Amino acid sequence: MAARTFDLVVIGTGSAAATVASQCRSAGWQVAVVDSRPFGGTCALRGCDPKKVLVGAAEVIDWTRRMAGKGIRTESLKLDWPDLMRFKRSFTQPVPRQREERFSKAGIAAYHGRAHFVGPRAVQVDKDVLEARYVLVATGARPVKLQIPGEERLTTSDQFLELEELPHAILFIGGGYISFEFAHVAARAGAEVTILHRGNRPLARFDPDLVDRLVEYTHGLGVDVQLQTEVKEVDRAADGLVVRASSSGKSRLFKTSMAVHGAGRVPEIDDLDLDAAGIRYDLKRGVEVNEYLQSVSNPAVYAAGDAAASGGAPLTPVAAHEGEIVASNLLNGNHRKPDYQVVPSVVFTVPPLASVGLSEQGAREQGLQFRTHYENTSGWYSSRRVGQACSGFKVLVEEASSRILGAHLLGPHAEEVINLFALAIRKEMTGKDLAEMMYAYPTHASDLWYMVGQ
């Protein structure tokens, strides 16, 4: 069994991992990275980036159909799934080679295989033992185990993004990001789509009023959204699958060609043998870390991204931010703490749903006095000119200071405009500050004047 010594061993090659590895190597450290999958991480290969390519195609289809009878003819409009997947792979296929070449050029040792701890500062990969002063756990997340019969028959989000052909009927389990985003793509591609969600409201992180609007619009697309419906079993059928679920105490059967797991993800740490390194962890939350993202029980270990029980949302920008924090603390001693106060988040449905800052419930829980500006904007020029009937906003403004406390957007370009609100919240700008801006017009950003109630 071969053994090598490094200053830092990084488990994972995603956003957080790549940031830490490259910065520590630039400082002269001897660094190794380990990944059992193609190098690049979830976002670049199996998540946000390839998903957004599919969403972009769905947006084209949707926009064109919305404009039917308004100067656009749509007789031959069709989404070609195999061609779309080939286009998607033009983004994902080069990533592993490029990432590995970047590591090699920087002098970072690369290992392919599943890592597990064999000591407080030692990681084994196949027959190699990598000993280090520090180890970073940045392994990302995997679908949560549903513990139901027939679970192995489910298609994961990774697999959905590699489908050569789109089945004619698809059922999504869970009412989160994955299910709604993929459902909107699949519906525009002509599939019959069902979403089963065991709670009474999907997309729990987002404003409930805007979520209700989006769910109603999703129904209008032909997507069957079933709430308070818990999946109990997935079984084979002659022409696909049968999903058995429970709703209001009654058993229901749903026939489908494919069932996709969209019911949440957990840190991918269960087979790392963390106990061998004396690392405290929670299988649902991740490695337990202190305010510097250092393991609370093993000071040689740090964690970042979805693998860390840090309190940050499971988002790529958060993982990259935590990577910056870990790199700085490794190189200069613990002195930086992550800041999660202003993190915009988007559901890339068509149209998108976006949020940043406090919700109404969150603001009330903090005892803040605020006014709420809430409106259906489907009749506004910015929505009407693109035929979008599903749009609205909710902006929270503090009474005494007029600071923007939270912003929640639904409609065209919400994923871009939300970043302006994020900047305003971070810089403690007031509604008046935003209203006094001169915006390019007509743009969606120019609607901010109305949204802040000035």
Protein backbone atom coordinates (compact mmCIF):
# COMPACT_ATOMS: atom_id res chain seq x y z
CA MET A 1 0.00 0.00 0.00
CA ALA A 2 1.55 3.27 -1.17
CA ALA A 3 1.55 6.39 1.06
CA ARG A 4 2.07 10.00 0.07
CA THR A 5 2.21 13.14 2.17
CA PHE A 6 0.54 16.45 1.34
CA ASP A 7 -0.23 19.73 3.01
CA LEU A 8 -3.86 19.43 1.94
CA VAL A 9 -6.09 16.68 0.60
CA VAL A 10 -9.38 17.83 -0.92
CA ILE A 11 -12.21 15.32 -1.30
CA GLY A 12 -14.37 16.56 -4.18
CA THR A 13 -13.78 18.68 -7.28
CA GLY A 14 -16.80 21.00 -7.31
CA SER A 15 -17.04 24.74 -6.62
CA ALA A 16 -15.80 24.76 -3.03
CA ALA A 17 -13.17 22.06 -3.60
CA ALA A 18 -11.62 23.67 -6.69
CA THR A 19 -11.42 27.07 -4.98
CA VAL A 20 -9.58 25.74 -1.93
CA ALA A 21 -7.26 23.47 -3.91
CA SER A 22 -6.17 26.18 -6.35
CA GLN A 23 -5.65 28.89 -3.73
CA CYS A 24 -3.64 26.66 -1.41
CA ARG A 25 -1.54 25.38 -4.30
CA SER A 26 -0.87 28.98 -5.42
CA ALA A 27 0.48 29.61 -1.93
CA GLY A 28 3.02 26.80 -2.41
CA TRP A 29 1.21 24.00 -0.62
CA GLN A 30 1.39 20.40 -1.81
CA VAL A 31 -2.21 19.58 -2.69
CA ALA A 32 -4.12 16.49 -3.79
CA VAL A 33 -7.72 16.25 -5.00
CA VAL A 34 -9.86 13.11 -4.98
CA ASP A 35 -13.13 12.36 -6.77
CA SER A 36 -14.88 9.11 -7.63
CA ARG A 37 -16.83 10.82 -10.41
CA PRO A 38 -15.63 12.82 -13.42
CA PHE A 39 -13.93 15.98 -12.20
CA GLY A 40 -16.07 19.11 -12.10
CA GLY A 41 -18.68 18.67 -9.40
CA THR A 42 -22.45 18.77 -9.40
CA CYS A 43 -23.10 22.28 -10.73
CA ALA A 44 -20.96 22.02 -13.86
CA LEU A 45 -21.79 18.41 -14.73
CA ARG A 46 -25.05 17.30 -13.10
CA GLY A 47 -26.80 20.42 -11.82
CA CYS A 48 -27.24 24.11 -12.45
CA ASP A 49 -25.27 24.55 -15.68
CA PRO A 50 -26.68 21.67 -17.77
CA LYS A 51 -30.14 22.22 -16.27
CA LYS A 52 -30.08 25.87 -17.41
CA VAL A 53 -29.32 24.74 -20.98
CA LEU A 54 -32.54 22.70 -20.95
CA VAL A 55 -34.45 25.55 -19.32
CA GLY A 56 -33.21 27.90 -22.03
CA ALA A 57 -34.75 25.69 -24.72
CA ALA A 58 -38.02 25.52 -22.77
CA GLU A 59 -38.02 29.33 -22.55
CA VAL A 60 -37.76 29.60 -26.34
CA ILE A 61 -40.70 27.22 -26.79
CA ASP A 62 -42.75 28.98 -24.15
CA TRP A 63 -42.04 32.50 -25.38
CA THR A 64 -42.92 31.57 -28.95
CA ARG A 65 -46.18 29.92 -27.90
CA ARG A 66 -47.12 32.87 -25.71
CA MET A 67 -46.69 35.15 -28.71
CA ALA A 68 -48.91 33.05 -30.98
CA GLY A 69 -51.43 35.39 -32.60
CA LYS A 70 -49.32 38.39 -31.65
CA GLY A 71 -47.17 38.40 -34.78
CA ILE A 72 -45.61 34.95 -34.33
CA ARG A 73 -46.67 31.75 -36.15
CA THR A 74 -45.95 28.49 -34.34
CA GLU A 75 -47.12 25.71 -36.67
CA SER A 76 -43.76 23.90 -36.91
CA LEU A 77 -42.48 24.65 -33.41
CA LYS A 78 -41.02 21.60 -31.65
CA LEU A 79 -38.39 20.81 -29.03
CA ASP A 80 -36.08 18.07 -30.36
CA TRP A 81 -34.87 16.28 -27.23
CA PRO A 82 -31.92 14.34 -28.72
CA ASP A 83 -30.59 17.51 -30.39
CA LEU A 84 -31.03 19.45 -27.15
CA MET A 85 -29.08 16.81 -25.21
CA ARG A 86 -26.26 16.96 -27.75
CA PHE A 87 -26.15 20.72 -27.27
CA LYS A 88 -26.12 20.25 -23.49
CA ARG A 89 -23.18 17.84 -23.71
CA SER A 90 -21.17 20.47 -25.61
CA PHE A 91 -21.03 22.23 -22.24
CA THR A 92 -20.57 19.27 -19.89
CA GLN A 93 -18.30 16.89 -21.80
CA PRO A 94 -15.21 19.16 -21.87
CA VAL A 95 -15.39 19.95 -18.15
CA PRO A 96 -13.67 16.89 -16.61
CA ARG A 97 -10.73 17.06 -19.00
CA GLN A 98 -10.39 20.83 -18.59
CA ARG A 99 -10.61 20.59 -14.79
CA GLU A 100 -8.02 17.82 -14.64
CA GLU A 101 -5.69 19.68 -17.00
CA ARG A 102 -6.00 22.76 -14.80
CA PHE A 103 -5.09 20.73 -11.73
CA SER A 104 -2.16 19.13 -13.53
CA LYS A 105 -0.83 22.46 -14.80
CA ALA A 106 -1.00 23.85 -11.26
CA GLY A 107 0.89 20.86 -9.86
CA ILE A 108 -2.09 19.46 -7.96
CA ALA A 109 -2.06 15.66 -7.67
CA ALA A 110 -5.30 14.10 -8.92
CA TYR A 111 -6.77 10.81 -7.71
CA HIS A 112 -9.78 9.01 -9.14
CA GLY A 113 -11.67 6.79 -6.71
CA ARG A 114 -13.83 6.81 -3.61
CA ALA A 115 -12.03 8.21 -0.59
CA HIS A 116 -12.47 7.20 3.01
CA PHE A 117 -10.67 8.18 6.21
CA VAL A 118 -8.22 5.77 7.82
CA GLY A 119 -7.02 8.18 10.49
CA PRO A 120 -7.41 11.76 11.76
CA ARG A 121 -5.30 13.13 8.86
CA ALA A 122 -5.21 10.20 6.45
CA VAL A 123 -7.43 9.30 3.51
CA GLN A 124 -7.32 6.10 1.48
CA VAL A 125 -8.16 5.97 -2.22
CA ASP A 126 -8.03 2.43 -3.60
CA LYS A 127 -4.52 1.27 -2.58
CA ASP A 128 -3.11 4.75 -1.98
CA VAL A 129 -3.02 6.38 1.46
CA LEU A 130 -2.84 10.18 1.40
CA GLU A 131 -1.59 11.75 4.61
CA ALA A 132 -2.01 15.49 5.10
CA ARG A 133 -1.78 18.37 7.51
CA TYR A 134 -5.33 19.25 6.56
CA VAL A 135 -8.25 17.57 4.80
CA LEU A 136 -11.21 19.33 3.18
CA VAL A 137 -14.50 17.45 2.82
CA ALA A 138 -16.39 18.96 -0.12
CA THR A 139 -18.19 15.94 -1.53
CA GLY A 140 -21.52 17.59 -2.38
CA ALA A 141 -24.88 15.90 -2.00
CA ARG A 142 -26.85 12.91 -3.25
CA PRO A 143 -30.58 12.07 -3.38
CA VAL A 144 -31.98 11.24 0.04
CA LYS A 145 -33.00 7.63 0.62
CA LEU A 146 -36.79 7.45 0.60
CA GLN A 147 -36.93 4.05 2.31
CA ILE A 148 -39.81 2.82 0.17
CA PRO A 149 -40.21 -0.45 -1.77
CA GLY A 150 -39.07 -0.12 -5.37
CA GLU A 151 -36.88 2.92 -4.70
CA GLU A 152 -34.23 1.46 -7.01
CA ARG A 153 -36.64 1.98 -9.92
CA LEU A 154 -36.50 5.76 -9.55
CA THR A 155 -34.56 7.93 -11.98
CA THR A 156 -32.20 10.43 -10.33
CA SER A 157 -31.76 14.02 -11.46
CA ASP A 158 -28.29 13.04 -12.74
CA GLN A 159 -29.84 10.38 -14.94
CA PHE A 160 -32.62 12.68 -16.14
CA LEU A 161 -29.99 15.08 -17.46
CA GLU A 162 -28.54 12.25 -19.58
CA LEU A 163 -31.76 10.92 -21.13
CA GLU A 164 -31.37 10.12 -24.81
CA GLU A 165 -35.14 10.19 -25.31
CA LEU A 166 -37.81 11.85 -23.20
CA PRO A 167 -40.54 9.41 -22.03
CA HIS A 168 -44.10 10.34 -22.90
CA ALA A 169 -45.18 10.29 -19.22
CA ILE A 170 -43.02 11.40 -16.27
CA LEU A 171 -43.86 11.53 -12.58
CA PHE A 172 -41.75 13.62 -10.19
CA ILE A 173 -41.60 12.77 -6.50
CA GLY A 174 -41.27 15.85 -4.31
CA GLY A 175 -42.19 19.49 -4.79
CA GLY A 176 -38.81 21.21 -4.69
CA TYR A 177 -36.47 22.87 -7.19
CA ILE A 178 -35.63 19.70 -9.11
CA SER A 179 -39.19 18.57 -9.68
CA PHE A 180 -40.60 21.93 -10.73
CA GLU A 181 -37.69 22.90 -12.96
CA PHE A 182 -37.58 19.57 -14.78
CA ALA A 183 -41.39 19.44 -14.95
CA HIS A 184 -41.50 22.78 -16.74
CA VAL A 185 -38.90 21.58 -19.25
CA ALA A 186 -40.60 18.22 -19.82
CA ALA A 187 -44.03 19.77 -20.25
CA ARG A 188 -42.71 22.14 -22.94
CA ALA A 189 -41.15 19.11 -24.65
CA GLY A 190 -44.56 17.45 -24.88
CA ALA A 191 -44.45 14.97 -21.98
CA GLU A 192 -47.37 14.22 -19.69
CA VAL A 193 -46.12 15.36 -16.29
CA THR A 194 -47.22 14.70 -12.71
CA ILE A 195 -45.74 16.06 -9.47
CA LEU A 196 -46.50 14.34 -6.15
CA HIS A 197 -45.67 16.36 -3.03
CA ARG A 198 -46.39 15.12 0.47
CA GLY A 199 -46.75 18.61 2.01
CA ASN A 200 -49.51 21.17 1.54
CA ARG A 201 -47.22 23.66 -0.22
CA PRO A 202 -44.28 23.01 -2.54
CA LEU A 203 -41.15 25.18 -2.85
CA ALA A 204 -41.13 25.87 0.88
CA ARG A 205 -38.23 28.34 0.77
CA PHE A 206 -40.20 30.81 -1.37
CA ASP A 207 -43.01 33.29 -0.80
CA PRO A 208 -46.26 31.30 -0.41
CA ASP A 209 -48.41 33.75 -2.40
CA LEU A 210 -46.09 33.68 -5.40
CA VAL A 211 -45.73 29.90 -5.09
CA ASP A 212 -49.53 29.61 -5.26
CA ARG A 213 -49.49 31.66 -8.48
CA LEU A 214 -46.76 29.47 -9.96
CA VAL A 215 -48.55 26.25 -9.00
CA GLU A 216 -51.76 27.49 -10.63
CA TYR A 217 -49.83 28.42 -13.77
CA THR A 218 -48.07 25.03 -13.72
CA HIS A 219 -51.48 23.34 -13.65
CA GLY A 220 -52.37 25.41 -16.71
CA LEU A 221 -49.43 23.92 -18.58
CA GLY A 222 -51.00 20.52 -18.15
CA VAL A 223 -48.83 19.45 -15.21
CA ASP A 224 -50.82 17.51 -12.61
CA VAL A 225 -49.59 18.83 -9.24
CA GLN A 226 -50.88 16.66 -6.40
CA LEU A 227 -50.29 18.03 -2.88
CA GLN A 228 -50.50 16.15 0.44
CA THR A 229 -49.74 13.00 -1.50
CA GLU A 230 -47.01 10.76 -0.08
CA VAL A 231 -45.37 8.10 -2.23
CA LYS A 232 -45.37 4.66 -0.63
CA GLU A 233 -44.12 2.28 -3.33
CA VAL A 234 -42.79 2.15 -6.90
CA ASP A 235 -43.59 -1.02 -8.83
CA ARG A 236 -43.11 -2.27 -12.36
CA ALA A 237 -45.95 -2.38 -14.87
CA ALA A 238 -46.21 -3.86 -18.35
CA ASP A 239 -45.62 -0.49 -19.99
CA GLY A 240 -43.68 1.40 -17.31
CA LEU A 241 -44.17 1.98 -13.59
CA VAL A 242 -46.99 2.18 -11.08
CA VAL A 243 -46.49 4.57 -8.18
CA ARG A 244 -48.62 3.92 -5.12
CA ALA A 245 -49.25 6.94 -2.91
CA SER A 246 -51.36 7.92 0.06
CA SER A 247 -53.57 11.02 0.03
CA SER A 248 -56.00 11.93 2.83
CA GLY A 249 -55.72 8.39 4.14
CA LYS A 250 -56.65 6.84 0.81
CA SER A 251 -54.38 4.81 -1.46
CA ARG A 252 -53.95 6.10 -5.00
CA LEU A 253 -52.18 4.64 -8.04
CA PHE A 254 -50.34 6.65 -10.69
CA LYS A 255 -49.19 5.05 -13.93
CA THR A 256 -46.15 6.55 -15.61
CA SER A 257 -43.28 5.77 -17.96
CA MET A 258 -40.66 7.14 -15.57
CA ALA A 259 -40.56 8.27 -11.94
CA VAL A 260 -37.94 10.87 -11.02
CA HIS A 261 -36.55 11.43 -7.52
CA GLY A 262 -36.96 15.10 -6.67
CA ALA A 263 -37.63 14.71 -2.96
CA GLY A 264 -34.49 16.29 -1.60
CA ARG A 265 -30.79 15.65 -1.20
CA VAL A 266 -28.44 14.98 1.72
CA PRO A 267 -24.66 15.35 2.14
CA GLU A 268 -22.73 12.58 0.40
CA ILE A 269 -20.66 11.64 3.43
CA ASP A 270 -22.11 8.29 4.51
CA ASP A 271 -19.23 6.15 3.17
CA LEU A 272 -16.29 8.40 4.12
CA ASP A 273 -15.65 6.54 7.41
CA LEU A 274 -15.71 9.84 9.28
CA ASP A 275 -15.65 8.00 12.59
CA ALA A 276 -12.14 6.76 11.77
CA ALA A 277 -11.00 10.39 11.84
CA GLY A 278 -12.96 11.37 14.93
CA ILE A 279 -15.20 13.67 12.87
CA ARG A 280 -18.62 14.51 14.26
CA TYR A 281 -21.38 14.63 11.66
CA ASP A 282 -25.09 14.44 10.96
CA LEU A 283 -26.07 12.35 7.94
CA LYS A 284 -28.86 14.79 7.09
CA ARG A 285 -26.89 18.01 7.62
CA GLY A 286 -23.23 17.19 7.07
CA VAL A 287 -19.93 17.51 8.90
CA GLU A 288 -20.39 19.51 12.09
CA VAL A 289 -18.25 22.63 11.78
CA ASN A 290 -17.51 25.74 13.82
CA GLU A 291 -17.87 29.34 12.67
CA TYR A 292 -14.67 28.98 10.60
CA LEU A 293 -15.95 25.85 8.77
CA GLN A 294 -13.51 23.70 10.75
CA SER A 295 -14.63 20.34 12.16
CA VAL A 296 -15.73 20.76 15.78
CA SER A 297 -14.04 17.50 16.73
CA ASN A 298 -10.99 17.24 14.45
CA PRO A 299 -9.11 20.53 13.85
CA ALA A 300 -7.26 19.04 10.86
CA VAL A 301 -10.51 18.75 8.91
CA TYR A 302 -12.61 21.46 7.26
CA ALA A 303 -15.85 21.09 5.30
CA ALA A 304 -17.60 23.26 2.73
CA GLY A 305 -20.59 23.26 0.41
CA ASP A 306 -23.35 20.68 0.75
CA ALA A 307 -21.10 18.42 2.86
CA ALA A 308 -20.91 20.95 5.71
CA ALA A 309 -23.52 21.53 8.41
CA SER A 310 -22.74 25.22 8.16
CA GLY A 311 -26.15 26.84 8.01
CA GLY A 312 -25.66 27.98 4.44
CA ALA A 313 -28.24 27.17 1.77
CA PRO A 314 -27.37 24.28 -0.61
CA LEU A 315 -26.51 26.63 -3.49
CA THR A 316 -23.45 26.87 -5.74
CA PRO A 317 -22.64 30.51 -4.81
CA VAL A 318 -22.73 29.50 -1.14
CA ALA A 319 -20.33 26.61 -1.80
CA ALA A 320 -17.95 28.92 -3.68
CA HIS A 321 -18.14 31.46 -0.85
CA GLU A 322 -17.39 28.78 1.73
CA GLY A 323 -14.45 27.66 -0.40
CA GLU A 324 -13.03 31.19 -0.21
CA ILE A 325 -13.51 31.21 3.57
CA VAL A 326 -11.81 27.83 4.06
CA ALA A 327 -8.86 28.73 1.83
CA SER A 328 -8.32 31.98 3.70
CA ASN A 329 -8.52 30.26 7.10
CA LEU A 330 -6.15 27.47 6.06
CA LEU A 331 -3.55 29.89 4.74
CA ASN A 332 -3.82 32.59 7.41
CA GLY A 333 -5.29 30.92 10.46
CA ASN A 334 -8.96 31.01 11.45
CA HIS A 335 -10.09 34.59 11.00
CA ARG A 336 -12.93 34.62 8.45
CA LYS A 337 -16.51 33.52 8.90
CA PRO A 338 -19.06 32.89 6.15
CA ASP A 339 -21.79 35.48 5.61
CA TYR A 340 -25.18 34.06 4.63
CA GLN A 341 -27.26 37.17 5.25
CA VAL A 342 -27.98 38.06 1.63
CA VAL A 343 -28.14 35.07 -0.71
CA PRO A 344 -30.51 35.29 -3.68
CA SER A 345 -32.14 32.04 -4.76
CA VAL A 346 -34.02 31.11 -7.93
CA VAL A 347 -36.30 28.32 -9.11
CA PHE A 348 -35.66 28.14 -12.85
CA THR A 349 -39.19 27.37 -13.89
CA VAL A 350 -40.63 29.21 -16.88
CA PRO A 351 -41.23 31.88 -15.67
CA PRO A 352 -38.66 31.85 -12.85
CA LEU A 353 -39.38 32.42 -9.17
CA ALA A 354 -36.76 34.30 -7.15
CA SER A 355 -36.21 35.38 -3.56
CA VAL A 356 -33.71 37.27 -1.39
CA GLY A 357 -33.73 38.56 2.15
CA LEU A 358 -36.52 38.12 4.66
CA SER A 359 -39.93 36.58 4.11
CA GLU A 360 -42.98 38.14 5.75
CA GLN A 361 -42.94 35.41 8.39
CA GLY A 362 -39.22 35.88 9.00
CA ALA A 363 -39.58 39.64 9.38
CA ARG A 364 -42.43 39.20 11.86
CA GLU A 365 -40.43 36.68 13.88
CA GLN A 366 -37.68 39.30 14.20
CA GLY A 367 -40.21 41.84 15.48
CA LEU A 368 -39.65 44.19 12.56
CA GLN A 369 -42.21 46.81 11.53
CA PHE A 370 -42.57 46.79 7.77
CA ARG A 371 -44.93 47.42 4.89
CA THR A 372 -45.51 44.94 2.11
CA HIS A 373 -45.81 45.88 -1.55
CA TYR A 374 -47.50 42.97 -3.32
CA GLU A 375 -49.00 42.97 -6.79
CA ASN A 376 -49.95 40.78 -9.72
CA THR A 377 -47.99 42.28 -12.63
CA SER A 378 -49.42 40.24 -15.51
CA GLY A 379 -51.10 43.44 -16.74
CA TRP A 380 -47.88 45.48 -16.67
CA TYR A 381 -46.21 46.43 -19.94
CA SER A 382 -43.12 44.34 -19.14
CA SER A 383 -45.28 41.20 -18.93
CA ARG A 384 -47.89 41.97 -21.57
CA ARG A 385 -45.36 42.65 -24.34
CA VAL A 386 -44.07 39.05 -24.02
CA GLY A 387 -47.46 37.50 -23.40
CA GLN A 388 -46.62 36.42 -19.85
CA ALA A 389 -49.74 35.90 -17.74
CA CYS A 390 -47.84 34.66 -14.66
CA SER A 391 -45.92 37.42 -12.92
CA GLY A 392 -45.94 39.27 -9.63
CA PHE A 393 -43.79 40.60 -6.82
CA LYS A 394 -43.67 41.12 -3.08
CA VAL A 395 -41.22 43.60 -1.55
CA LEU A 396 -40.80 44.19 2.19
CA VAL A 397 -39.77 47.71 3.27
CA GLU A 398 -38.95 48.61 6.88
CA GLU A 399 -41.25 51.33 8.21
CA ALA A 400 -38.75 53.44 10.16
CA SER A 401 -35.73 53.30 7.86
CA SER A 402 -37.30 52.45 4.46
CA ARG A 403 -34.62 49.76 4.06
CA ILE A 404 -35.41 46.89 1.74
CA LEU A 405 -35.81 43.80 3.94
CA GLY A 406 -36.81 41.20 1.37
CA ALA A 407 -37.81 40.81 -2.26
CA HIS A 408 -39.75 38.01 -3.95
CA LEU A 409 -40.27 38.00 -7.71
CA LEU A 410 -42.14 35.86 -10.22
CA GLY A 411 -41.98 36.48 -13.94
CA PRO A 412 -39.66 37.21 -16.87
CA HIS A 413 -36.07 37.96 -15.85
CA ALA A 414 -36.82 37.57 -12.14
CA GLU A 415 -33.54 35.63 -11.91
CA GLU A 416 -31.66 38.79 -12.98
CA VAL A 417 -33.65 41.51 -11.23
CA ILE A 418 -33.37 39.68 -7.89
CA ASN A 419 -29.63 40.45 -7.91
CA LEU A 420 -30.38 44.20 -7.83
CA PHE A 421 -32.50 43.66 -4.74
CA ALA A 422 -29.72 41.54 -3.21
CA LEU A 423 -27.27 44.40 -3.71
CA ALA A 424 -29.75 46.86 -2.22
CA ILE A 425 -30.25 44.71 0.88
CA ARG A 426 -26.53 44.10 1.35
CA LYS A 427 -25.76 47.82 1.09
CA GLU A 428 -28.78 48.74 3.26
CA MET A 429 -30.30 50.86 0.51
CA THR A 430 -33.75 52.34 0.93
CA GLY A 431 -36.73 52.29 -1.36
CA LYS A 432 -35.99 55.93 -2.12
CA ASP A 433 -32.44 55.05 -3.16
CA LEU A 434 -33.79 52.55 -5.67
CA ALA A 435 -36.50 54.92 -6.89
CA GLU A 436 -34.00 57.72 -7.54
CA MET A 437 -31.96 55.53 -9.88
CA MET A 438 -32.30 56.21 -13.58
CA TYR A 439 -32.78 52.82 -15.24
CA ALA A 440 -32.53 51.90 -18.89
CA TYR A 441 -36.11 51.82 -20.15
CA PRO A 442 -38.10 49.77 -20.97
CA THR A 443 -36.47 46.99 -18.97
CA HIS A 444 -37.56 44.72 -16.15
CA ALA A 445 -35.13 46.54 -13.86
CA SER A 446 -36.99 49.79 -14.51
CA ASP A 447 -39.99 48.22 -12.75
CA LEU A 448 -38.15 48.52 -9.43
CA TRP A 449 -39.46 52.06 -9.05
CA TYR A 450 -42.99 50.69 -8.77
CA MET A 451 -42.06 47.66 -6.69
CA VAL A 452 -40.64 49.70 -3.79
CA GLY A 453 -43.76 51.86 -3.58
CA GLN A 454 -42.19 55.25 -4.23
